[in-house]
Amino acid sequence: MNKSKAVSEADYVSVTLPRATGKEEDIVFVGLNGKGYTIRRGLTVQVPRPVYEILMESQRQQQRQQDFILLQQENAARSALLADN
């Protein structure tokens, strides 16, 4: 058996994406090296480690975006208060 083609269980990671809320889709698509993976939210699935890493980086980016928006809103509210005084 060709070891470079063999895939061990260690090459896969369990992941459960949070259920969709609002405008989110129930299925998340990840493309990697010409192969597509569809992951249904709310179910625990096994995905290759690189797909897992893509999903986790996506979640980190979404959190950064939410943090940035919140900071901008707080700054706008603070500026409005200062302008009123």
PDB file of N, CA and C in Angstrom:
ATOM      1  N   MET A   1       0.831  -1.183   0.000  1.00  0.00           N
ATOM      2  CA  MET A   1       0.000   0.000   0.000  1.00  0.00           C
ATOM      3  C   MET A   1       0.873   1.243   0.000  1.00  0.00           C
ATOM      4  N   ASN A   2       0.526   2.197  -0.811  1.00  0.00           N
ATOM      5  CA  ASN A   2       1.265   3.435  -0.924  1.00  0.00           C
ATOM      6  C   ASN A   2       0.936   4.333   0.268  1.00  0.00           C
ATOM      7  N   LYS A   3       1.931   4.595   1.115  1.00  0.00           N
ATOM      8  CA  LYS A   3       1.691   5.356   2.341  1.00  0.00           C
ATOM      9  C   LYS A   3       1.267   6.797   2.058  1.00  0.00           C
ATOM     10  N   SER A   4       1.705   7.372   0.920  1.00  0.00           N
ATOM     11  CA  SER A   4       1.314   8.744   0.634  1.00  0.00           C
ATOM     12  C   SER A   4      -0.181   8.847   0.323  1.00  0.00           C
ATOM     13  N   LYS A   5      -0.810   7.773  -0.117  1.00  0.00           N
ATOM     14  CA  LYS A   5      -2.239   7.777  -0.413  1.00  0.00           C
ATOM     15  C   LYS A   5      -3.077   7.365   0.793  1.00  0.00           C
ATOM     16  N   ALA A   6      -2.461   6.705   1.766  1.00  0.00           N
ATOM     17  CA  ALA A   6      -3.206   6.229   2.933  1.00  0.00           C
ATOM     18  C   ALA A   6      -3.601   7.421   3.799  1.00  0.00           C
ATOM     19  N   VAL A   7      -4.817   7.394   4.270  1.00  0.00           N
ATOM     20  CA  VAL A   7      -5.308   8.458   5.137  1.00  0.00           C
ATOM     21  C   VAL A   7      -5.640   7.837   6.481  1.00  0.00           C
ATOM     22  N   SER A   8      -5.004   8.344   7.519  1.00  0.00           N
ATOM     23  CA  SER A   8      -5.252   7.801   8.847  1.00  0.00           C
ATOM     24  C   SER A   8      -6.332   8.613   9.541  1.00  0.00           C
ATOM     25  N   GLU A   9      -6.862   8.063  10.614  1.00  0.00           N
ATOM     26  CA  GLU A   9      -7.868   8.781  11.397  1.00  0.00           C
ATOM     27  C   GLU A   9      -7.294  10.076  11.966  1.00  0.00           C
ATOM     28  N   ALA A  10      -5.979  10.107  12.203  1.00  0.00           N
ATOM     29  CA  ALA A  10      -5.345  11.309  12.749  1.00  0.00           C
ATOM     30  C   ALA A  10      -5.388  12.469  11.762  1.00  0.00           C
ATOM     31  N   ASP A  11      -5.610  12.166  10.474  1.00  0.00           N
ATOM     32  CA  ASP A  11      -5.685  13.204   9.455  1.00  0.00           C
ATOM     33  C   ASP A  11      -7.048  13.891   9.445  1.00  0.00           C
ATOM     34  N   TYR A  12      -7.992  13.394  10.239  1.00  0.00           N
ATOM     35  CA  TYR A  12      -9.345  13.943  10.283  1.00  0.00           C
ATOM     36  C   TYR A  12      -9.642  14.518  11.663  1.00  0.00           C
ATOM     37  N   VAL A  13     -10.507  15.506  11.687  1.00  0.00           N
ATOM     38  CA  VAL A  13     -10.874  16.187  12.928  1.00  0.00           C
ATOM     39  C   VAL A  13     -12.393  16.288  12.983  1.00  0.00           C
ATOM     40  N   SER A  14     -12.961  16.083  14.169  1.00  0.00           N
ATOM     41  CA  SER A  14     -14.404  16.278  14.353  1.00  0.00           C
ATOM     42  C   SER A  14     -14.692  17.760  14.475  1.00  0.00           C
ATOM     43  N   VAL A  15     -15.750  18.185  13.821  1.00  0.00           N
ATOM     44  CA  VAL A  15     -16.145  19.585  13.898  1.00  0.00           C
ATOM     45  C   VAL A  15     -17.668  19.652  13.909  1.00  0.00           C
ATOM     46  N   THR A  16     -18.178  20.571  14.724  1.00  0.00           N
ATOM     47  CA  THR A  16     -19.612  20.859  14.752  1.00  0.00           C
ATOM     48  C   THR A  16     -19.761  22.364  14.606  1.00  0.00           C
ATOM     49  N   LEU A  17     -20.297  22.783  13.480  1.00  0.00           N
ATOM     50  CA  LEU A  17     -20.519  24.207  13.265  1.00  0.00           C
ATOM     51  C   LEU A  17     -21.820  24.615  13.937  1.00  0.00           C
ATOM     52  N   PRO A  18     -21.864  25.803  14.527  1.00  0.00           N
ATOM     53  CA  PRO A  18     -23.100  26.250  15.174  1.00  0.00           C
ATOM     54  C   PRO A  18     -24.253  26.303  14.170  1.00  0.00           C
ATOM     55  N   ARG A  19     -25.447  26.057  14.666  1.00  0.00           N
ATOM     56  CA  ARG A  19     -26.635  26.127  13.805  1.00  0.00           C
ATOM     57  C   ARG A  19     -26.766  27.525  13.203  1.00  0.00           C
ATOM     58  N   ALA A  20     -27.363  27.579  12.042  1.00  0.00           N
ATOM     59  CA  ALA A  20     -27.529  28.835  11.328  1.00  0.00           C
ATOM     60  C   ALA A  20     -28.463  29.772  12.080  1.00  0.00           C
ATOM     61  N   THR A  21     -28.129  31.039  12.055  1.00  0.00           N
ATOM     62  CA  THR A  21     -28.987  32.068  12.627  1.00  0.00           C
ATOM     63  C   THR A  21     -29.115  33.182  11.608  1.00  0.00           C
ATOM     64  N   GLY A  22     -30.232  33.820  11.590  1.00  0.00           N
ATOM     65  CA  GLY A  22     -30.414  34.960  10.691  1.00  0.00           C
ATOM     66  C   GLY A  22     -30.285  34.573   9.232  1.00  0.00           C
ATOM     67  N   LYS A  23     -29.348  35.221   8.563  1.00  0.00           N
ATOM     68  CA  LYS A  23     -29.176  35.028   7.119  1.00  0.00           C
ATOM     69  C   LYS A  23     -28.185  33.919   6.769  1.00  0.00           C
ATOM     70  N   GLU A  24     -27.618  33.256   7.750  1.00  0.00           N
ATOM     71  CA  GLU A  24     -26.640  32.200   7.477  1.00  0.00           C
ATOM     72  C   GLU A  24     -27.300  31.008   6.789  1.00  0.00           C
ATOM     73  N   GLU A  25     -26.517  30.332   5.981  1.00  0.00           N
ATOM     74  CA  GLU A  25     -26.970  29.115   5.313  1.00  0.00           C
ATOM     75  C   GLU A  25     -26.825  27.925   6.260  1.00  0.00           C
ATOM     76  N   ASP A  26     -27.634  26.887   6.038  1.00  0.00           N
ATOM     77  CA  ASP A  26     -27.543  25.666   6.847  1.00  0.00           C
ATOM     78  C   ASP A  26     -26.338  24.814   6.466  1.00  0.00           C
ATOM     79  N   ILE A  27     -25.777  25.085   5.292  1.00  0.00           N
ATOM     80  CA  ILE A  27     -24.638  24.297   4.806  1.00  0.00           C
ATOM     81  C   ILE A  27     -23.488  25.245   4.518  1.00  0.00           C
ATOM     82  N   VAL A  28     -22.286  24.838   4.918  1.00  0.00           N
ATOM     83  CA  VAL A  28     -21.077  25.607   4.659  1.00  0.00           C
ATOM     84  C   VAL A  28     -20.255  24.838   3.634  1.00  0.00           C
ATOM     85  N   PHE A  29     -19.782  25.534   2.610  1.00  0.00           N
ATOM     86  CA  PHE A  29     -18.946  24.913   1.590  1.00  0.00           C
ATOM     87  C   PHE A  29     -17.512  25.347   1.802  1.00  0.00           C
ATOM     88  N   VAL A  30     -16.580  24.384   1.737  1.00  0.00           N
ATOM     89  CA  VAL A  30     -15.144  24.667   1.798  1.00  0.00           C
ATOM     90  C   VAL A  30     -14.508  24.005   0.595  1.00  0.00           C
ATOM     91  N   GLY A  31     -13.735  24.773  -0.158  1.00  0.00           N
ATOM     92  CA  GLY A  31     -12.986  24.231  -1.283  1.00  0.00           C
ATOM     93  C   GLY A  31     -11.517  24.162  -0.925  1.00  0.00           C
ATOM     94  N   LEU A  32     -10.895  23.039  -1.244  1.00  0.00           N
ATOM     95  CA  LEU A  32      -9.473  22.859  -0.943  1.00  0.00           C
ATOM     96  C   LEU A  32      -8.842  21.995  -2.019  1.00  0.00           C
ATOM     97  N   ASN A  33      -7.865  22.542  -2.702  1.00  0.00           N
ATOM     98  CA  ASN A  33      -7.116  21.804  -3.721  1.00  0.00           C
ATOM     99  C   ASN A  33      -8.024  21.132  -4.746  1.00  0.00           C
ATOM    100  N   GLY A  34      -9.034  21.859  -5.198  1.00  0.00           N
ATOM    101  CA  GLY A  34      -9.916  21.351  -6.234  1.00  0.00           C
ATOM    102  C   GLY A  34     -10.994  20.398  -5.755  1.00  0.00           C
ATOM    103  N   LYS A  35     -11.078  20.194  -4.462  1.00  0.00           N
ATOM    104  CA  LYS A  35     -12.107  19.315  -3.910  1.00  0.00           C
ATOM    105  C   LYS A  35     -13.025  20.145  -3.019  1.00  0.00           C
ATOM    106  N   GLY A  36     -14.328  19.875  -3.104  1.00  0.00           N
ATOM    107  CA  GLY A  36     -15.295  20.615  -2.316  1.00  0.00           C
ATOM    108  C   GLY A  36     -15.837  19.789  -1.166  1.00  0.00           C
ATOM    109  N   TYR A  37     -16.063  20.448  -0.054  1.00  0.00           N
ATOM    110  CA  TYR A  37     -16.628  19.813   1.137  1.00  0.00           C
ATOM    111  C   TYR A  37     -17.847  20.619   1.555  1.00  0.00           C
ATOM    112  N   THR A  38     -18.960  19.947   1.780  1.00  0.00           N
ATOM    113  CA  THR A  38     -20.150  20.612   2.304  1.00  0.00           C
ATOM    114  C   THR A  38     -20.379  20.109   3.719  1.00  0.00           C
ATOM    115  N   ILE A  39     -20.519  21.047   4.626  1.00  0.00           N
ATOM    116  CA  ILE A  39     -20.669  20.715   6.041  1.00  0.00           C
ATOM    117  C   ILE A  39     -21.994  21.278   6.516  1.00  0.00           C
ATOM    118  N   ARG A  40     -22.852  20.421   7.041  1.00  0.00           N
ATOM    119  CA  ARG A  40     -24.154  20.862   7.546  1.00  0.00           C
ATOM    120  C   ARG A  40     -23.975  21.380   8.976  1.00  0.00           C
ATOM    121  N   ARG A  41     -24.505  22.567   9.210  1.00  0.00           N
ATOM    122  CA  ARG A  41     -24.436  23.162  10.541  1.00  0.00           C
ATOM    123  C   ARG A  41     -25.245  22.333  11.537  1.00  0.00           C
ATOM    124  N   GLY A  42     -24.724  22.230  12.755  1.00  0.00           N
ATOM    125  CA  GLY A  42     -25.427  21.532  13.827  1.00  0.00           C
ATOM    126  C   GLY A  42     -25.122  20.044  13.909  1.00  0.00           C
ATOM    127  N   LEU A  43     -24.423  19.496  12.920  1.00  0.00           N
ATOM    128  CA  LEU A  43     -24.063  18.079  12.946  1.00  0.00           C
ATOM    129  C   LEU A  43     -22.562  17.937  13.158  1.00  0.00           C
ATOM    130  N   THR A  44     -22.158  16.920  13.902  1.00  0.00           N
ATOM    131  CA  THR A  44     -20.739  16.642  14.071  1.00  0.00           C
ATOM    132  C   THR A  44     -20.284  15.794  12.896  1.00  0.00           C
ATOM    133  N   VAL A  45     -19.253  16.267  12.212  1.00  0.00           N
ATOM    134  CA  VAL A  45     -18.723  15.561  11.051  1.00  0.00           C
ATOM    135  C   VAL A  45     -17.211  15.458  11.157  1.00  0.00           C
ATOM    136  N   GLN A  46     -16.644  14.522  10.422  1.00  0.00           N
ATOM    137  CA  GLN A  46     -15.204  14.360  10.331  1.00  0.00           C
ATOM    138  C   GLN A  46     -14.733  15.039   9.048  1.00  0.00           C
ATOM    139  N   VAL A  47     -13.760  15.923   9.171  1.00  0.00           N
ATOM    140  CA  VAL A  47     -13.202  16.600   8.000  1.00  0.00           C
ATOM    141  C   VAL A  47     -11.683  16.504   8.042  1.00  0.00           C
ATOM    142  N   PRO A  48     -11.044  16.560   6.874  1.00  0.00           N
ATOM    143  CA  PRO A  48      -9.576  16.584   6.873  1.00  0.00           C
ATOM    144  C   PRO A  48      -9.068  17.790   7.667  1.00  0.00           C
ATOM    145  N   ARG A  49      -7.944  17.627   8.321  1.00  0.00           N
ATOM    146  CA  ARG A  49      -7.395  18.687   9.169  1.00  0.00           C
ATOM    147  C   ARG A  49      -7.278  20.040   8.438  1.00  0.00           C
ATOM    148  N   PRO A  50      -6.807  20.085   7.176  1.00  0.00           N
ATOM    149  CA  PRO A  50      -6.731  21.394   6.511  1.00  0.00           C
ATOM    150  C   PRO A  50      -8.114  22.057   6.344  1.00  0.00           C
ATOM    151  N   VAL A  51      -9.162  21.285   6.138  1.00  0.00           N
ATOM    152  CA  VAL A  51     -10.512  21.833   6.031  1.00  0.00           C
ATOM    153  C   VAL A  51     -10.930  22.401   7.388  1.00  0.00           C
ATOM    154  N   TYR A  52     -10.629  21.681   8.443  1.00  0.00           N
ATOM    155  CA  TYR A  52     -10.907  22.155   9.802  1.00  0.00           C
ATOM    156  C   TYR A  52     -10.202  23.495  10.056  1.00  0.00           C
ATOM    157  N   GLU A  53      -8.946  23.594   9.642  1.00  0.00           N
ATOM    158  CA  GLU A  53      -8.186  24.823   9.855  1.00  0.00           C
ATOM    159  C   GLU A  53      -8.794  25.992   9.085  1.00  0.00           C
ATOM    160  N   ILE A  54      -9.296  25.726   7.876  1.00  0.00           N
ATOM    161  CA  ILE A  54      -9.967  26.766   7.095  1.00  0.00           C
ATOM    162  C   ILE A  54     -11.227  27.225   7.825  1.00  0.00           C
ATOM    163  N   LEU A  55     -12.007  26.285   8.332  1.00  0.00           N
ATOM    164  CA  LEU A  55     -13.235  26.621   9.061  1.00  0.00           C
ATOM    165  C   LEU A  55     -12.929  27.448  10.306  1.00  0.00           C
ATOM    166  N   MET A  56     -11.898  27.071  11.052  1.00  0.00           N
ATOM    167  CA  MET A  56     -11.548  27.798  12.272  1.00  0.00           C
ATOM    168  C   MET A  56     -11.045  29.206  11.948  1.00  0.00           C
ATOM    169  N   GLU A  57     -10.269  29.347  10.879  1.00  0.00           N
ATOM    170  CA  GLU A  57      -9.798  30.677  10.491  1.00  0.00           C
ATOM    171  C   GLU A  57     -10.967  31.550  10.057  1.00  0.00           C
ATOM    172  N   SER A  58     -11.926  30.959   9.386  1.00  0.00           N
ATOM    173  CA  SER A  58     -13.128  31.695   8.988  1.00  0.00           C
ATOM    174  C   SER A  58     -13.872  32.203  10.219  1.00  0.00           C
ATOM    175  N   GLN A  59     -14.012  31.358  11.236  1.00  0.00           N
ATOM    176  CA  GLN A  59     -14.685  31.779  12.461  1.00  0.00           C
ATOM    177  C   GLN A  59     -13.911  32.892  13.162  1.00  0.00           C
ATOM    178  N   ARG A  60     -12.582  32.792  13.169  1.00  0.00           N
ATOM    179  CA  ARG A  60     -11.768  33.855  13.790  1.00  0.00           C
ATOM    180  C   ARG A  60     -11.965  35.180  13.040  1.00  0.00           C
ATOM    181  N   GLN A  61     -12.001  35.117  11.713  1.00  0.00           N
ATOM    182  CA  GLN A  61     -12.200  36.329  10.919  1.00  0.00           C
ATOM    183  C   GLN A  61     -13.568  36.937  11.176  1.00  0.00           C
ATOM    184  N   GLN A  62     -14.595  36.096  11.281  1.00  0.00           N
ATOM    185  CA  GLN A  62     -15.934  36.597  11.581  1.00  0.00           C
ATOM    186  C   GLN A  62     -15.965  37.284  12.941  1.00  0.00           C
ATOM    187  N   GLN A  63     -15.281  36.717  13.922  1.00  0.00           N
ATOM    188  CA  GLN A  63     -15.237  37.317  15.255  1.00  0.00           C
ATOM    189  C   GLN A  63     -14.512  38.656  15.208  1.00  0.00           C
ATOM    190  N   ARG A  64     -13.406  38.727  14.459  1.00  0.00           N
ATOM    191  CA  ARG A  64     -12.687  39.994  14.325  1.00  0.00           C
ATOM    192  C   ARG A  64     -13.579  41.057  13.686  1.00  0.00           C
ATOM    193  N   GLN A  65     -14.344  40.638  12.677  1.00  0.00           N
ATOM    194  CA  GLN A  65     -15.248  41.570  12.007  1.00  0.00           C
ATOM    195  C   GLN A  65     -16.312  42.076  12.978  1.00  0.00           C
ATOM    196  N   GLN A  66     -16.901  41.188  13.754  1.00  0.00           N
ATOM    197  CA  GLN A  66     -17.905  41.595  14.735  1.00  0.00           C
ATOM    198  C   GLN A  66     -17.312  42.529  15.779  1.00  0.00           C
ATOM    199  N   ASP A  67     -16.092  42.221  16.244  1.00  0.00           N
ATOM    200  CA  ASP A  67     -15.419  43.084  17.227  1.00  0.00           C
ATOM    201  C   ASP A  67     -15.171  44.471  16.646  1.00  0.00           C
ATOM    202  N   PHE A  68     -14.745  44.527  15.375  1.00  0.00           N
ATOM    203  CA  PHE A  68     -14.465  45.797  14.719  1.00  0.00           C
ATOM    204  C   PHE A  68     -15.746  46.621  14.592  1.00  0.00           C
ATOM    205  N   ILE A  69     -16.831  45.994  14.163  1.00  0.00           N
ATOM    206  CA  ILE A  69     -18.108  46.698  14.017  1.00  0.00           C
ATOM    207  C   ILE A  69     -18.567  47.251  15.363  1.00  0.00           C
ATOM    208  N   LEU A  70     -18.461  46.450  16.411  1.00  0.00           N
ATOM    209  CA  LEU A  70     -18.850  46.899  17.747  1.00  0.00           C
ATOM    210  C   LEU A  70     -18.004  48.093  18.187  1.00  0.00           C
ATOM    211  N   LEU A  71     -16.718  48.027  17.945  1.00  0.00           N
ATOM    212  CA  LEU A  71     -15.833  49.129  18.304  1.00  0.00           C
ATOM    213  C   LEU A  71     -16.216  50.396  17.548  1.00  0.00           C
ATOM    214  N   GLN A  72     -16.519  50.265  16.264  1.00  0.00           N
ATOM    215  CA  GLN A  72     -16.918  51.430  15.469  1.00  0.00           C
ATOM    216  C   GLN A  72     -18.224  52.025  15.993  1.00  0.00           C
ATOM    217  N   GLN A  73     -19.160  51.177  16.367  1.00  0.00           N
ATOM    218  CA  GLN A  73     -20.428  51.653  16.914  1.00  0.00           C
ATOM    219  C   GLN A  73     -20.209  52.383  18.235  1.00  0.00           C
ATOM    220  N   GLU A  74     -19.345  51.832  19.094  1.00  0.00           N
ATOM    221  CA  GLU A  74     -19.051  52.480  20.372  1.00  0.00           C
ATOM    222  C   GLU A  74     -18.379  53.829  20.150  1.00  0.00           C
ATOM    223  N   ASN A  75     -17.449  53.882  19.195  1.00  0.00           N
ATOM    224  CA  ASN A  75     -16.765  55.148  18.899  1.00  0.00           C
ATOM    225  C   ASN A  75     -17.742  56.190  18.355  1.00  0.00           C
ATOM    226  N   ALA A  76     -18.669  55.761  17.500  1.00  0.00           N
ATOM    227  CA  ALA A  76     -19.666  56.685  16.944  1.00  0.00           C
ATOM    228  C   ALA A  76     -20.573  57.212  18.046  1.00  0.00           C
ATOM    229  N   ALA A  77     -20.981  56.344  18.957  1.00  0.00           N
ATOM    230  CA  ALA A  77     -21.852  56.765  20.067  1.00  0.00           C
ATOM    231  C   ALA A  77     -21.105  57.740  20.972  1.00  0.00           C
ATOM    232  N   ARG A  78     -19.834  57.464  21.236  1.00  0.00           N
ATOM    233  CA  ARG A  78     -19.012  58.331  22.075  1.00  0.00           C
ATOM    234  C   ARG A  78     -18.844  59.710  21.409  1.00  0.00           C
ATOM    235  N   SER A  79     -18.610  59.697  20.112  1.00  0.00           N
ATOM    236  CA  SER A  79     -18.443  60.957  19.372  1.00  0.00           C
ATOM    237  C   SER A  79     -19.738  61.767  19.376  1.00  0.00           C
ATOM    238  N   ALA A  80     -20.861  61.086  19.264  1.00  0.00           N
ATOM    239  CA  ALA A  80     -22.153  61.773  19.282  1.00  0.00           C
ATOM    240  C   ALA A  80     -22.387  62.423  20.645  1.00  0.00           C
ATOM    241  N   LEU A  81     -22.020  61.727  21.714  1.00  0.00           N
ATOM    242  CA  LEU A  81     -22.177  62.294  23.052  1.00  0.00           C
ATOM    243  C   LEU A  81     -21.303  63.526  23.248  1.00  0.00           C
ATOM    244  N   LEU A  82     -20.074  63.462  22.762  1.00  0.00           N
ATOM    245  CA  LEU A  82     -19.160  64.599  22.882  1.00  0.00           C
ATOM    246  C   LEU A  82     -19.652  65.788  22.061  1.00  0.00           C
ATOM    247  N   ALA A  83     -20.236  65.512  20.891  1.00  0.00           N
ATOM    248  CA  ALA A  83     -20.728  66.578  20.036  1.00  0.00           C
ATOM    249  C   ALA A  83     -21.937  67.281  20.652  1.00  0.00           C
ATOM    250  N   ASP A  84     -22.730  66.533  21.425  1.00  0.00           N
ATOM    251  CA  ASP A  84     -23.909  67.108  22.072  1.00  0.00           C
ATOM    252  C   ASP A  84     -23.536  68.003  23.248  1.00  0.00           C
ATOM    253  N   ASN A  85     -22.356  67.795  23.803  1.00  0.00           N
ATOM    254  CA  ASN A  85     -21.958  68.581  24.973  1.00  0.00           C
ATOM    255  C   ASN A  85     -21.276  69.837  24.606  1.00  0.00           C
TER     256      ASN A  85
END
